[in-house]
Amino acid sequence: MLLLFICLLLGALVARLARPPEGMARALNWWVLYVALPAIVLELIPKLRFQAALWFPIAASWLVFFGAWLLFALVGRWRGWSRARTGTLVLVCGLGNTSFMGYPLVHALHGEEGLKLAVVADQLGTFPLLASAAIVVASLYAGRTPHPHHVLRKIFTFPAFLALLLGIVVGLLGGWPPMVDQVLSPLGATLTPLALFAVGMQFHLGGVRGQAGVIAGGLGWKLLIGPLLCLALGLASGLHGLVLTVGVLEAAMAPMISAAILVSEYELDTDLANSILGIGIVLSLLTVPLGDLLLPG
């Protein structure tokens, strides 16, 4: 856990004090998305034992997103919010940072076995939502028309998703030769320090003033109420052990950076998105480990 805090802190300090080269955070994000993340997926997915209970980490991500959409659509209509504010809350409080934050936190708390489940939650739960439902939400609340071909292209050109498909095939064929594992492992190990350093560099608090109640409500759903509903679903389904724990923890991760980028691209409420993102990252470093201690089993 100490490494996570140090990498985040270093990223924030470098961005503010060291005058890093322009585009450095974007370059780090590129490495994580196109090299480190696919490498860790390719390394772990062939080793994963598929079981019926794997539906839960996937369903938890979908429950949080569609629950956020229902909740904030109703509250927004009741409170007379702008469509930009409502759409922003659905996106940043419905999508969790299940890779950049989720992988390092779950790995720190539950080792490689937990990380395998985090990959499932991220690649089969959160990512398809980002590439499909989130595009639809952003388009609708921005007054645009979503295009199905754009959604499909986004899914089938994402490196980690292609790595997931390849990893499943390799797993069915018996796994990688040791020589390949020895290459994938160190590449995947770069994800934690570089991803969190990049998150720290992009840490930003926008227009908090005047929106404290909205921010508190959004993070209350993302970090507490949504994960509790996922826990209730898991317990009601008779689940227990690591699958239940990791599914709930991934549902409780901080808001996703890519969701805030989507808010900006579709010209919704960027200040609100950045505020929720920054505060959520800090709070999740406390709430996720605390939640792990309180979860059954």
C-alpha atoms as a PDB file:
ATOM      1  CA  MET A   1       0.000   0.000   0.000  1.00  0.00           C
ATOM      2  CA  LEU A   2       2.884   2.384   0.724  1.00  0.00           C
ATOM      3  CA  LEU A   3       3.996   2.173  -2.918  1.00  0.00           C
ATOM      4  CA  LEU A   4       0.547   3.325  -4.047  1.00  0.00           C
ATOM      5  CA  PHE A   5       0.633   6.457  -1.888  1.00  0.00           C
ATOM      6  CA  ILE A   6       4.220   7.273  -2.883  1.00  0.00           C
ATOM      7  CA  CYS A   7       3.532   6.956  -6.622  1.00  0.00           C
ATOM      8  CA  LEU A   8       0.421   9.139  -6.388  1.00  0.00           C
ATOM      9  CA  LEU A   9       2.227  11.739  -4.298  1.00  0.00           C
ATOM     10  CA  LEU A  10       5.259  11.802  -6.602  1.00  0.00           C
ATOM     11  CA  GLY A  11       3.022  12.293  -9.631  1.00  0.00           C
ATOM     12  CA  ALA A  12       1.205  15.205  -7.997  1.00  0.00           C
ATOM     13  CA  LEU A  13       4.476  16.831  -6.870  1.00  0.00           C
ATOM     14  CA  VAL A  14       6.210  16.408 -10.222  1.00  0.00           C
ATOM     15  CA  ALA A  15       3.251  17.926 -12.088  1.00  0.00           C
ATOM     16  CA  ARG A  16       3.264  20.995  -9.851  1.00  0.00           C
ATOM     17  CA  LEU A  17       6.936  21.541  -9.008  1.00  0.00           C
ATOM     18  CA  ALA A  18       9.214  19.911 -11.577  1.00  0.00           C
ATOM     19  CA  ARG A  19       7.818  21.278 -14.854  1.00  0.00           C
ATOM     20  CA  PRO A  20       7.671  17.906 -16.642  1.00  0.00           C
ATOM     21  CA  PRO A  21       7.698  17.770 -20.460  1.00  0.00           C
ATOM     22  CA  GLU A  22       4.380  18.621 -22.054  1.00  0.00           C
ATOM     23  CA  GLY A  23       2.339  15.495 -22.711  1.00  0.00           C
ATOM     24  CA  MET A  24       4.219  13.361 -20.173  1.00  0.00           C
ATOM     25  CA  ALA A  25       1.048  12.162 -18.434  1.00  0.00           C
ATOM     26  CA  ARG A  26      -0.465  11.280 -21.809  1.00  0.00           C
ATOM     27  CA  ALA A  27       2.668   9.306 -22.720  1.00  0.00           C
ATOM     28  CA  LEU A  28       2.516   7.373 -19.440  1.00  0.00           C
ATOM     29  CA  ASN A  29      -1.169   6.644 -20.022  1.00  0.00           C
ATOM     30  CA  TRP A  30      -0.285   5.363 -23.507  1.00  0.00           C
ATOM     31  CA  TRP A  31       2.289   2.940 -22.071  1.00  0.00           C
ATOM     32  CA  VAL A  32      -0.152   1.687 -19.452  1.00  0.00           C
ATOM     33  CA  LEU A  33      -3.016   1.225 -21.923  1.00  0.00           C
ATOM     34  CA  TYR A  34      -1.052  -0.242 -24.831  1.00  0.00           C
ATOM     35  CA  VAL A  35       1.749  -2.182 -23.111  1.00  0.00           C
ATOM     36  CA  ALA A  36       1.416  -2.752 -19.351  1.00  0.00           C
ATOM     37  CA  LEU A  37      -2.329  -3.430 -19.208  1.00  0.00           C
ATOM     38  CA  PRO A  38      -2.382  -5.917 -22.132  1.00  0.00           C
ATOM     39  CA  ALA A  39       0.723  -7.611 -20.684  1.00  0.00           C
ATOM     40  CA  ILE A  40      -0.877  -8.164 -17.291  1.00  0.00           C
ATOM     41  CA  VAL A  41      -4.080  -9.430 -18.939  1.00  0.00           C
ATOM     42  CA  LEU A  42      -2.091 -11.822 -21.147  1.00  0.00           C
ATOM     43  CA  GLU A  43      -0.151 -13.053 -18.117  1.00  0.00           C
ATOM     44  CA  LEU A  44      -3.081 -13.637 -15.756  1.00  0.00           C
ATOM     45  CA  ILE A  45      -6.098 -14.654 -17.853  1.00  0.00           C
ATOM     46  CA  PRO A  46      -4.585 -18.002 -19.023  1.00  0.00           C
ATOM     47  CA  LYS A  47      -4.047 -18.871 -15.333  1.00  0.00           C
ATOM     48  CA  LEU A  48      -7.616 -18.025 -14.306  1.00  0.00           C
ATOM     49  CA  ARG A  49      -9.889 -20.901 -13.363  1.00  0.00           C
ATOM     50  CA  PHE A  50     -13.262 -20.039 -14.845  1.00  0.00           C
ATOM     51  CA  GLN A  51     -16.149 -20.666 -12.472  1.00  0.00           C
ATOM     52  CA  ALA A  52     -19.839 -19.863 -12.355  1.00  0.00           C
ATOM     53  CA  ALA A  53     -19.331 -17.238  -9.632  1.00  0.00           C
ATOM     54  CA  LEU A  54     -17.364 -14.993 -12.013  1.00  0.00           C
ATOM     55  CA  TRP A  55     -20.669 -13.439 -13.053  1.00  0.00           C
ATOM     56  CA  PHE A  56     -20.621 -11.404  -9.851  1.00  0.00           C
ATOM     57  CA  PRO A  57     -17.628  -9.062 -10.405  1.00  0.00           C
ATOM     58  CA  ILE A  58     -19.041  -8.331 -13.867  1.00  0.00           C
ATOM     59  CA  ALA A  59     -22.608  -7.784 -12.649  1.00  0.00           C
ATOM     60  CA  ALA A  60     -21.393  -5.528  -9.826  1.00  0.00           C
ATOM     61  CA  SER A  61     -19.923  -3.065 -12.338  1.00  0.00           C
ATOM     62  CA  TRP A  62     -23.169  -3.008 -14.301  1.00  0.00           C
ATOM     63  CA  LEU A  63     -25.279  -2.593 -11.161  1.00  0.00           C
ATOM     64  CA  VAL A  64     -23.287   0.476 -10.087  1.00  0.00           C
ATOM     65  CA  PHE A  65     -23.514   2.080 -13.543  1.00  0.00           C
ATOM     66  CA  PHE A  66     -27.192   1.503 -14.271  1.00  0.00           C
ATOM     67  CA  GLY A  67     -28.079   2.240 -10.645  1.00  0.00           C
ATOM     68  CA  ALA A  68     -26.304   5.588 -11.015  1.00  0.00           C
ATOM     69  CA  TRP A  69     -28.201   6.300 -14.223  1.00  0.00           C
ATOM     70  CA  LEU A  70     -31.562   5.591 -12.591  1.00  0.00           C
ATOM     71  CA  LEU A  71     -30.728   7.463  -9.378  1.00  0.00           C
ATOM     72  CA  PHE A  72     -29.314  10.634 -10.911  1.00  0.00           C
ATOM     73  CA  ALA A  73     -31.938  10.796 -13.656  1.00  0.00           C
ATOM     74  CA  LEU A  74     -34.657  10.776 -10.979  1.00  0.00           C
ATOM     75  CA  VAL A  75     -32.870  13.160  -8.612  1.00  0.00           C
ATOM     76  CA  GLY A  76     -31.925  15.443 -11.491  1.00  0.00           C
ATOM     77  CA  ARG A  77     -35.531  15.731 -12.606  1.00  0.00           C
ATOM     78  CA  TRP A  78     -36.668  16.350  -9.011  1.00  0.00           C
ATOM     79  CA  ARG A  79     -33.981  18.980  -8.352  1.00  0.00           C
ATOM     80  CA  GLY A  80     -34.181  20.603 -11.771  1.00  0.00           C
ATOM     81  CA  TRP A  81     -30.558  19.862 -12.701  1.00  0.00           C
ATOM     82  CA  SER A  82     -29.189  20.610 -16.141  1.00  0.00           C
ATOM     83  CA  ARG A  83     -28.737  17.673 -18.486  1.00  0.00           C
ATOM     84  CA  ALA A  84     -24.991  18.328 -18.401  1.00  0.00           C
ATOM     85  CA  ARG A  85     -24.860  17.892 -14.609  1.00  0.00           C
ATOM     86  CA  THR A  86     -27.007  14.756 -14.661  1.00  0.00           C
ATOM     87  CA  GLY A  87     -25.005  13.149 -17.459  1.00  0.00           C
ATOM     88  CA  THR A  88     -21.740  13.973 -15.706  1.00  0.00           C
ATOM     89  CA  LEU A  89     -22.867  12.324 -12.475  1.00  0.00           C
ATOM     90  CA  VAL A  90     -24.014   9.194 -14.303  1.00  0.00           C
ATOM     91  CA  LEU A  91     -20.638   8.856 -16.027  1.00  0.00           C
ATOM     92  CA  VAL A  92     -18.150   9.672 -13.275  1.00  0.00           C
ATOM     93  CA  CYS A  93     -20.172   8.081 -10.445  1.00  0.00           C
ATOM     94  CA  GLY A  94     -21.270   5.072 -12.478  1.00  0.00           C
ATOM     95  CA  LEU A  95     -17.869   4.000 -13.827  1.00  0.00           C
ATOM     96  CA  GLY A  96     -15.091   2.947 -11.467  1.00  0.00           C
ATOM     97  CA  ASN A  97     -11.335   3.189 -11.920  1.00  0.00           C
ATOM     98  CA  THR A  98     -11.086  -0.596 -11.917  1.00  0.00           C
ATOM     99  CA  SER A  99      -7.736  -0.792 -13.737  1.00  0.00           C
ATOM    100  CA  PHE A 100      -5.432   2.148 -12.877  1.00  0.00           C
ATOM    101  CA  MET A 101      -6.576   2.178  -9.232  1.00  0.00           C
ATOM    102  CA  GLY A 102      -8.292  -1.196  -9.009  1.00  0.00           C
ATOM    103  CA  TYR A 103      -5.421  -3.440 -10.077  1.00  0.00           C
ATOM    104  CA  PRO A 104      -2.837  -1.955  -7.663  1.00  0.00           C
ATOM    105  CA  LEU A 105      -5.233  -1.797  -4.708  1.00  0.00           C
ATOM    106  CA  VAL A 106      -6.626  -5.308  -5.174  1.00  0.00           C
ATOM    107  CA  HIS A 107      -3.136  -6.695  -5.744  1.00  0.00           C
ATOM    108  CA  ALA A 108      -1.889  -5.013  -2.564  1.00  0.00           C
ATOM    109  CA  LEU A 109      -4.810  -6.389  -0.556  1.00  0.00           C
ATOM    110  CA  HIS A 110      -5.280  -9.866  -2.077  1.00  0.00           C
ATOM    111  CA  GLY A 111      -2.245 -10.741  -4.193  1.00  0.00           C
ATOM    112  CA  GLU A 112      -2.240 -12.373  -7.618  1.00  0.00           C
ATOM    113  CA  GLU A 113      -5.432 -14.391  -7.040  1.00  0.00           C
ATOM    114  CA  GLY A 114      -7.330 -11.206  -6.279  1.00  0.00           C
ATOM    115  CA  LEU A 115      -5.739  -9.466  -9.259  1.00  0.00           C
ATOM    116  CA  LYS A 116      -7.025 -12.170 -11.625  1.00  0.00           C
ATOM    117  CA  LEU A 117     -10.570 -11.411 -10.479  1.00  0.00           C
ATOM    118  CA  ALA A 118      -9.949  -7.676 -10.800  1.00  0.00           C
ATOM    119  CA  VAL A 119      -8.990  -8.230 -14.451  1.00  0.00           C
ATOM    120  CA  VAL A 120     -12.313 -10.021 -15.026  1.00  0.00           C
ATOM    121  CA  ALA A 121     -14.283  -7.203 -13.365  1.00  0.00           C
ATOM    122  CA  ASP A 122     -12.440  -4.575 -15.384  1.00  0.00           C
ATOM    123  CA  GLN A 123     -12.294  -6.198 -18.827  1.00  0.00           C
ATOM    124  CA  LEU A 124     -15.729  -7.860 -18.871  1.00  0.00           C
ATOM    125  CA  GLY A 125     -17.537  -5.429 -16.580  1.00  0.00           C
ATOM    126  CA  THR A 126     -16.259  -1.865 -16.647  1.00  0.00           C
ATOM    127  CA  PHE A 127     -14.618  -1.646 -20.071  1.00  0.00           C
ATOM    128  CA  PRO A 128     -17.647  -2.817 -22.114  1.00  0.00           C
ATOM    129  CA  LEU A 129     -19.713  -0.252 -20.191  1.00  0.00           C
ATOM    130  CA  LEU A 130     -17.252   2.528 -21.013  1.00  0.00           C
ATOM    131  CA  ALA A 131     -17.219   1.562 -24.683  1.00  0.00           C
ATOM    132  CA  SER A 132     -20.987   1.175 -25.059  1.00  0.00           C
ATOM    133  CA  ALA A 133     -23.440   2.419 -22.417  1.00  0.00           C
ATOM    134  CA  ALA A 134     -21.240   5.347 -21.387  1.00  0.00           C
ATOM    135  CA  ILE A 135     -21.049   6.554 -25.007  1.00  0.00           C
ATOM    136  CA  VAL A 136     -24.845   6.353 -25.199  1.00  0.00           C
ATOM    137  CA  VAL A 137     -25.262   8.320 -21.947  1.00  0.00           C
ATOM    138  CA  ALA A 138     -22.748  10.985 -22.992  1.00  0.00           C
ATOM    139  CA  SER A 139     -24.436  11.361 -26.383  1.00  0.00           C
ATOM    140  CA  LEU A 140     -27.965  11.559 -24.994  1.00  0.00           C
ATOM    141  CA  TYR A 141     -27.151  14.136 -22.323  1.00  0.00           C
ATOM    142  CA  ALA A 142     -25.107  16.192 -24.802  1.00  0.00           C
ATOM    143  CA  GLY A 143     -27.950  16.150 -27.328  1.00  0.00           C
ATOM    144  CA  ARG A 144     -26.096  13.994 -29.845  1.00  0.00           C
ATOM    145  CA  THR A 145     -26.934  10.697 -31.572  1.00  0.00           C
ATOM    146  CA  PRO A 146     -24.848   7.636 -30.583  1.00  0.00           C
ATOM    147  CA  HIS A 147     -23.523   5.557 -33.495  1.00  0.00           C
ATOM    148  CA  PRO A 148     -23.365   1.742 -33.072  1.00  0.00           C
ATOM    149  CA  HIS A 149     -20.361   1.362 -35.397  1.00  0.00           C
ATOM    150  CA  HIS A 150     -18.370   3.753 -33.203  1.00  0.00           C
ATOM    151  CA  VAL A 151     -19.173   1.644 -30.132  1.00  0.00           C
ATOM    152  CA  LEU A 152     -18.149  -1.612 -31.834  1.00  0.00           C
ATOM    153  CA  ARG A 153     -14.939  -0.110 -33.183  1.00  0.00           C
ATOM    154  CA  LYS A 154     -14.008   1.157 -29.716  1.00  0.00           C
ATOM    155  CA  ILE A 155     -14.513  -2.294 -28.168  1.00  0.00           C
ATOM    156  CA  PHE A 156     -12.690  -4.348 -30.800  1.00  0.00           C
ATOM    157  CA  THR A 157      -9.695  -2.036 -31.133  1.00  0.00           C
ATOM    158  CA  PHE A 158      -8.965  -1.727 -27.409  1.00  0.00           C
ATOM    159  CA  PRO A 159      -5.635  -3.518 -26.757  1.00  0.00           C
ATOM    160  CA  ALA A 160      -6.526  -4.989 -23.364  1.00  0.00           C
ATOM    161  CA  PHE A 161      -9.797  -6.432 -24.705  1.00  0.00           C
ATOM    162  CA  LEU A 162      -7.935  -8.088 -27.579  1.00  0.00           C
ATOM    163  CA  ALA A 163      -5.426  -9.370 -25.013  1.00  0.00           C
ATOM    164  CA  LEU A 164      -8.333 -10.793 -23.013  1.00  0.00           C
ATOM    165  CA  LEU A 165      -9.619 -12.758 -26.008  1.00  0.00           C
ATOM    166  CA  LEU A 166      -6.121 -14.037 -26.798  1.00  0.00           C
ATOM    167  CA  GLY A 167      -5.527 -14.903 -23.140  1.00  0.00           C
ATOM    168  CA  ILE A 168      -8.694 -17.011 -23.026  1.00  0.00           C
ATOM    169  CA  VAL A 169      -7.569 -18.960 -26.105  1.00  0.00           C
ATOM    170  CA  VAL A 170      -4.069 -19.458 -24.670  1.00  0.00           C
ATOM    171  CA  GLY A 171      -5.569 -20.662 -21.395  1.00  0.00           C
ATOM    172  CA  LEU A 172      -7.686 -23.234 -23.220  1.00  0.00           C
ATOM    173  CA  LEU A 173      -4.540 -24.447 -24.999  1.00  0.00           C
ATOM    174  CA  GLY A 174      -2.631 -24.936 -21.744  1.00  0.00           C
ATOM    175  CA  GLY A 175      -1.036 -21.557 -21.058  1.00  0.00           C
ATOM    176  CA  TRP A 176       2.110 -19.718 -22.126  1.00  0.00           C
ATOM    177  CA  PRO A 177       5.584 -21.260 -22.245  1.00  0.00           C
ATOM    178  CA  PRO A 178       7.702 -20.094 -19.264  1.00  0.00           C
ATOM    179  CA  MET A 179       9.804 -17.899 -21.574  1.00  0.00           C
ATOM    180  CA  VAL A 180       6.740 -15.824 -22.552  1.00  0.00           C
ATOM    181  CA  ASP A 181       5.644 -15.489 -18.916  1.00  0.00           C
ATOM    182  CA  GLN A 182       9.104 -14.157 -18.083  1.00  0.00           C
ATOM    183  CA  VAL A 183       8.563 -11.349 -20.601  1.00  0.00           C
ATOM    184  CA  LEU A 184       4.946 -10.540 -19.715  1.00  0.00           C
ATOM    185  CA  SER A 185       5.499 -10.412 -15.956  1.00  0.00           C
ATOM    186  CA  PRO A 186       7.975  -7.487 -15.819  1.00  0.00           C
ATOM    187  CA  LEU A 187       6.022  -5.566 -18.456  1.00  0.00           C
ATOM    188  CA  GLY A 188       2.835  -5.956 -16.427  1.00  0.00           C
ATOM    189  CA  ALA A 189       4.678  -4.955 -13.252  1.00  0.00           C
ATOM    190  CA  THR A 190       5.155  -1.459 -14.680  1.00  0.00           C
ATOM    191  CA  LEU A 191       1.402  -0.845 -14.487  1.00  0.00           C
ATOM    192  CA  THR A 192       1.198   0.006 -10.773  1.00  0.00           C
ATOM    193  CA  PRO A 193       3.929   2.667 -10.480  1.00  0.00           C
ATOM    194  CA  LEU A 194       3.326   4.280 -13.877  1.00  0.00           C
ATOM    195  CA  ALA A 195      -0.481   4.267 -13.705  1.00  0.00           C
ATOM    196  CA  LEU A 196      -0.582   5.804 -10.238  1.00  0.00           C
ATOM    197  CA  PHE A 197       2.167   8.298 -11.090  1.00  0.00           C
ATOM    198  CA  ALA A 198       0.091   9.387 -14.106  1.00  0.00           C
ATOM    199  CA  VAL A 199      -3.050   9.614 -11.945  1.00  0.00           C
ATOM    200  CA  GLY A 200      -1.140  11.842  -9.523  1.00  0.00           C
ATOM    201  CA  MET A 201       0.037  14.082 -12.371  1.00  0.00           C
ATOM    202  CA  GLN A 202      -3.555  14.547 -13.539  1.00  0.00           C
ATOM    203  CA  PHE A 203      -4.972  15.137 -10.066  1.00  0.00           C
ATOM    204  CA  HIS A 204      -7.115  18.264 -10.174  1.00  0.00           C
ATOM    205  CA  LEU A 205      -9.835  19.886  -8.097  1.00  0.00           C
ATOM    206  CA  GLY A 206     -12.131  22.082 -10.161  1.00  0.00           C
ATOM    207  CA  GLY A 207     -15.234  23.977  -9.094  1.00  0.00           C
ATOM    208  CA  VAL A 208     -15.924  22.501  -5.658  1.00  0.00           C
ATOM    209  CA  ARG A 209     -17.489  25.688  -4.332  1.00  0.00           C
ATOM    210  CA  GLY A 210     -21.269  25.674  -4.669  1.00  0.00           C
ATOM    211  CA  GLN A 211     -21.406  21.986  -5.646  1.00  0.00           C
ATOM    212  CA  ALA A 212     -20.423  20.327  -2.376  1.00  0.00           C
ATOM    213  CA  GLY A 213     -23.822  18.683  -1.953  1.00  0.00           C
ATOM    214  CA  VAL A 214     -23.825  17.307  -5.487  1.00  0.00           C
ATOM    215  CA  ILE A 215     -20.261  15.996  -5.097  1.00  0.00           C
ATOM    216  CA  ALA A 216     -21.099  14.382  -1.753  1.00  0.00           C
ATOM    217  CA  GLY A 217     -24.177  12.729  -3.233  1.00  0.00           C
ATOM    218  CA  GLY A 218     -22.270  11.432  -6.244  1.00  0.00           C
ATOM    219  CA  LEU A 219     -19.413  10.007  -4.187  1.00  0.00           C
ATOM    220  CA  GLY A 220     -21.869   8.662  -1.629  1.00  0.00           C
ATOM    221  CA  TRP A 221     -23.307   6.493  -4.388  1.00  0.00           C
ATOM    222  CA  LYS A 222     -19.957   5.543  -5.942  1.00  0.00           C
ATOM    223  CA  LEU A 223     -17.988   4.748  -2.784  1.00  0.00           C
ATOM    224  CA  LEU A 224     -20.705   3.524  -0.416  1.00  0.00           C
ATOM    225  CA  ILE A 225     -24.288   2.930  -1.534  1.00  0.00           C
ATOM    226  CA  GLY A 226     -23.504   1.243  -4.870  1.00  0.00           C
ATOM    227  CA  PRO A 227     -20.951  -1.170  -3.354  1.00  0.00           C
ATOM    228  CA  LEU A 228     -23.346  -1.978  -0.499  1.00  0.00           C
ATOM    229  CA  LEU A 229     -26.025  -2.924  -3.028  1.00  0.00           C
ATOM    230  CA  CYS A 230     -23.477  -5.146  -4.767  1.00  0.00           C
ATOM    231  CA  LEU A 231     -22.629  -6.771  -1.434  1.00  0.00           C
ATOM    232  CA  ALA A 232     -26.331  -7.388  -0.791  1.00  0.00           C
ATOM    233  CA  LEU A 233     -26.675  -8.956  -4.252  1.00  0.00           C
ATOM    234  CA  GLY A 234     -23.681 -11.217  -3.663  1.00  0.00           C
ATOM    235  CA  LEU A 235     -24.820 -12.353  -0.228  1.00  0.00           C
ATOM    236  CA  ALA A 236     -28.374 -12.955  -1.467  1.00  0.00           C
ATOM    237  CA  SER A 237     -26.893 -15.136  -4.226  1.00  0.00           C
ATOM    238  CA  GLY A 238     -24.979 -17.224  -1.693  1.00  0.00           C
ATOM    239  CA  LEU A 239     -21.529 -15.989  -2.708  1.00  0.00           C
ATOM    240  CA  HIS A 240     -18.597 -15.789  -0.331  1.00  0.00           C
ATOM    241  CA  GLY A 241     -14.815 -15.637  -0.300  1.00  0.00           C
ATOM    242  CA  LEU A 242     -12.532 -13.818  -2.714  1.00  0.00           C
ATOM    243  CA  VAL A 243     -15.016 -13.525  -5.594  1.00  0.00           C
ATOM    244  CA  LEU A 244     -17.456 -11.637  -3.366  1.00  0.00           C
ATOM    245  CA  THR A 245     -14.741  -9.479  -1.807  1.00  0.00           C
ATOM    246  CA  VAL A 246     -13.024  -8.442  -5.044  1.00  0.00           C
ATOM    247  CA  GLY A 247     -16.351  -7.843  -6.792  1.00  0.00           C
ATOM    248  CA  VAL A 248     -17.426  -5.422  -4.069  1.00  0.00           C
ATOM    249  CA  LEU A 249     -14.011  -3.732  -3.870  1.00  0.00           C
ATOM    250  CA  GLU A 250     -13.913  -3.147  -7.627  1.00  0.00           C
ATOM    251  CA  ALA A 251     -17.423  -1.694  -7.438  1.00  0.00           C
ATOM    252  CA  ALA A 252     -16.153   0.667  -4.719  1.00  0.00           C
ATOM    253  CA  MET A 253     -13.191   2.070  -6.660  1.00  0.00           C
ATOM    254  CA  ALA A 254     -12.776   5.794  -7.284  1.00  0.00           C
ATOM    255  CA  PRO A 255     -14.412   7.356 -10.355  1.00  0.00           C
ATOM    256  CA  MET A 256     -12.779   6.506 -13.678  1.00  0.00           C
ATOM    257  CA  ILE A 257     -10.392   8.987 -15.310  1.00  0.00           C
ATOM    258  CA  SER A 258     -11.673   8.006 -18.769  1.00  0.00           C
ATOM    259  CA  ALA A 259     -15.205   8.926 -17.683  1.00  0.00           C
ATOM    260  CA  ALA A 260     -14.034  12.456 -16.867  1.00  0.00           C
ATOM    261  CA  ILE A 261     -12.329  12.620 -20.274  1.00  0.00           C
ATOM    262  CA  LEU A 262     -15.618  11.546 -21.869  1.00  0.00           C
ATOM    263  CA  VAL A 263     -17.393  14.355 -19.997  1.00  0.00           C
ATOM    264  CA  SER A 264     -14.928  16.839 -21.484  1.00  0.00           C
ATOM    265  CA  GLU A 265     -15.212  15.411 -25.009  1.00  0.00           C
ATOM    266  CA  TYR A 266     -19.007  15.712 -24.936  1.00  0.00           C
ATOM    267  CA  GLU A 267     -18.938  19.176 -23.306  1.00  0.00           C
ATOM    268  CA  LEU A 268     -20.843  18.264 -20.160  1.00  0.00           C
ATOM    269  CA  ASP A 269     -19.866  19.604 -16.677  1.00  0.00           C
ATOM    270  CA  THR A 270     -16.065  19.332 -16.713  1.00  0.00           C
ATOM    271  CA  ASP A 271     -15.462  21.190 -13.417  1.00  0.00           C
ATOM    272  CA  LEU A 272     -17.859  18.883 -11.581  1.00  0.00           C
ATOM    273  CA  ALA A 273     -16.258  15.797 -13.155  1.00  0.00           C
ATOM    274  CA  ASN A 274     -12.733  16.868 -12.173  1.00  0.00           C
ATOM    275  CA  SER A 275     -13.801  17.676  -8.617  1.00  0.00           C
ATOM    276  CA  ILE A 276     -15.513  14.317  -8.139  1.00  0.00           C
ATOM    277  CA  LEU A 277     -12.547  12.533  -9.714  1.00  0.00           C
ATOM    278  CA  GLY A 278      -9.919  14.209  -7.518  1.00  0.00           C
ATOM    279  CA  ILE A 279     -11.809  13.902  -4.240  1.00  0.00           C
ATOM    280  CA  GLY A 280     -12.895  10.358  -5.082  1.00  0.00           C
ATOM    281  CA  ILE A 281      -9.327   9.185  -5.694  1.00  0.00           C
ATOM    282  CA  VAL A 282      -8.187  10.494  -2.307  1.00  0.00           C
ATOM    283  CA  LEU A 283     -11.177   9.100  -0.419  1.00  0.00           C
ATOM    284  CA  SER A 284     -10.976   5.687  -2.096  1.00  0.00           C
ATOM    285  CA  LEU A 285      -7.439   5.189  -0.773  1.00  0.00           C
ATOM    286  CA  LEU A 286      -9.089   5.136   2.649  1.00  0.00           C
ATOM    287  CA  THR A 287     -12.518   3.640   1.935  1.00  0.00           C
ATOM    288  CA  VAL A 288     -11.356   0.648  -0.144  1.00  0.00           C
ATOM    289  CA  PRO A 289      -8.889  -0.754   2.456  1.00  0.00           C
ATOM    290  CA  LEU A 290     -11.407  -0.016   5.222  1.00  0.00           C
ATOM    291  CA  GLY A 291     -14.155  -1.762   3.275  1.00  0.00           C
ATOM    292  CA  ASP A 292     -11.861  -4.743   2.759  1.00  0.00           C
ATOM    293  CA  LEU A 293     -11.445  -5.056   6.536  1.00  0.00           C
ATOM    294  CA  LEU A 294     -15.209  -4.966   7.072  1.00  0.00           C
ATOM    295  CA  LEU A 295     -16.235  -7.370   4.315  1.00  0.00           C
ATOM    296  CA  PRO A 296     -17.289 -10.851   5.460  1.00  0.00           C
ATOM    297  CA  GLY A 297     -14.704 -13.596   4.966  1.00  0.00           C
END
